[in-house]
Amino acid sequence: MAEYTTAELMAVCLAREISDGDRVLQGLYSPLPMMACLLAKRFHAPNMTYFNTADVIDPEPKKVPFSTAGPALQERAVTYIPLWQTFDLAQRGELDLIFLGAAQVDKHGNTNLSAIGPYEKPKVRLPGGAASAHLCAIMDTVIWIPRHNNRVLVEKVDFITGQGYLSGGDAREKAGIPKGGPRKVVTNLCIMDFEPETKAMRLVSLHPGVSLEQVKEATGFELIIPSEVKETEPPSPEELEFMREIDPKGVRELEFH
């Protein structure tokens, strides 16, 4: 098996969450989801529709730009669509999946991009979630975390910017949010999902070379551990070749510097 970086492994793991025919939105400042969408389109989901925040659908760039909304992503796109119309499609139930990053993620998949500490007088004021509060209420989400540690993966977020399963169980439905919800969490250490009854985060697979103890120590809550934990499947040589050809400047690695 060819050598690969953590960024390359995570991009492929995110791509595997896209099914053929899915309508997928990749947000701002999202190099790994950008790469994931291009990978999925190329290798296993040719009929997916890729909505990029460069206001285009199904771009086919020769080389990816440093900005995930850069003009190069308009190359060979199927059409142009203003971002507000993309949000309108989501509201009408015509988008399936969005990738979401966050400063904090809790055991029930709630995400925080607003403030660390009390909202009225925070220790750190974060940039905010843009449309994530809206989109998390109507779409499936896949969360990615390039630095898995107990400051990011916390028992309870300081502020809910994007709704996960709230307090767990059927709390999301009781709050009047019947659609969507977090599906997977992909980190630099492992992949996690959510136990169907409690909606608490559950380990799915460990990345090659990562131990169970390493994940437990880096997680700020008690993670559900199944009796059998798989090893994450590495990228294929073809996937690695594609990423390195389309991204010679290493944009996919930006979140790890």
Foldseek 3Di string as FASTA:
>chain_A
DDDDDLLLQLLCVLLVVDAAQAEEEEDWPGLSVVLSVQLNCPPHHVRYWYQFQLQFIDFDAQADDLTSNDPSSNHPTPDGHHVVVVLVCLVVVNHAEYEDEAQAAEQLGFGDQAADPANVDGPDGGPADVCQQVNLLRYAYEYEEADQAASHYANDGNDGRHDACVQFFNNSVVVVRPHYHYAWYHYSFAIWGADVGGSGIAGAATEPPHDPVNNCRRHHDDHHYDPDHHYRDGDDPVSVVVCCSRYVPPSSCVVVD
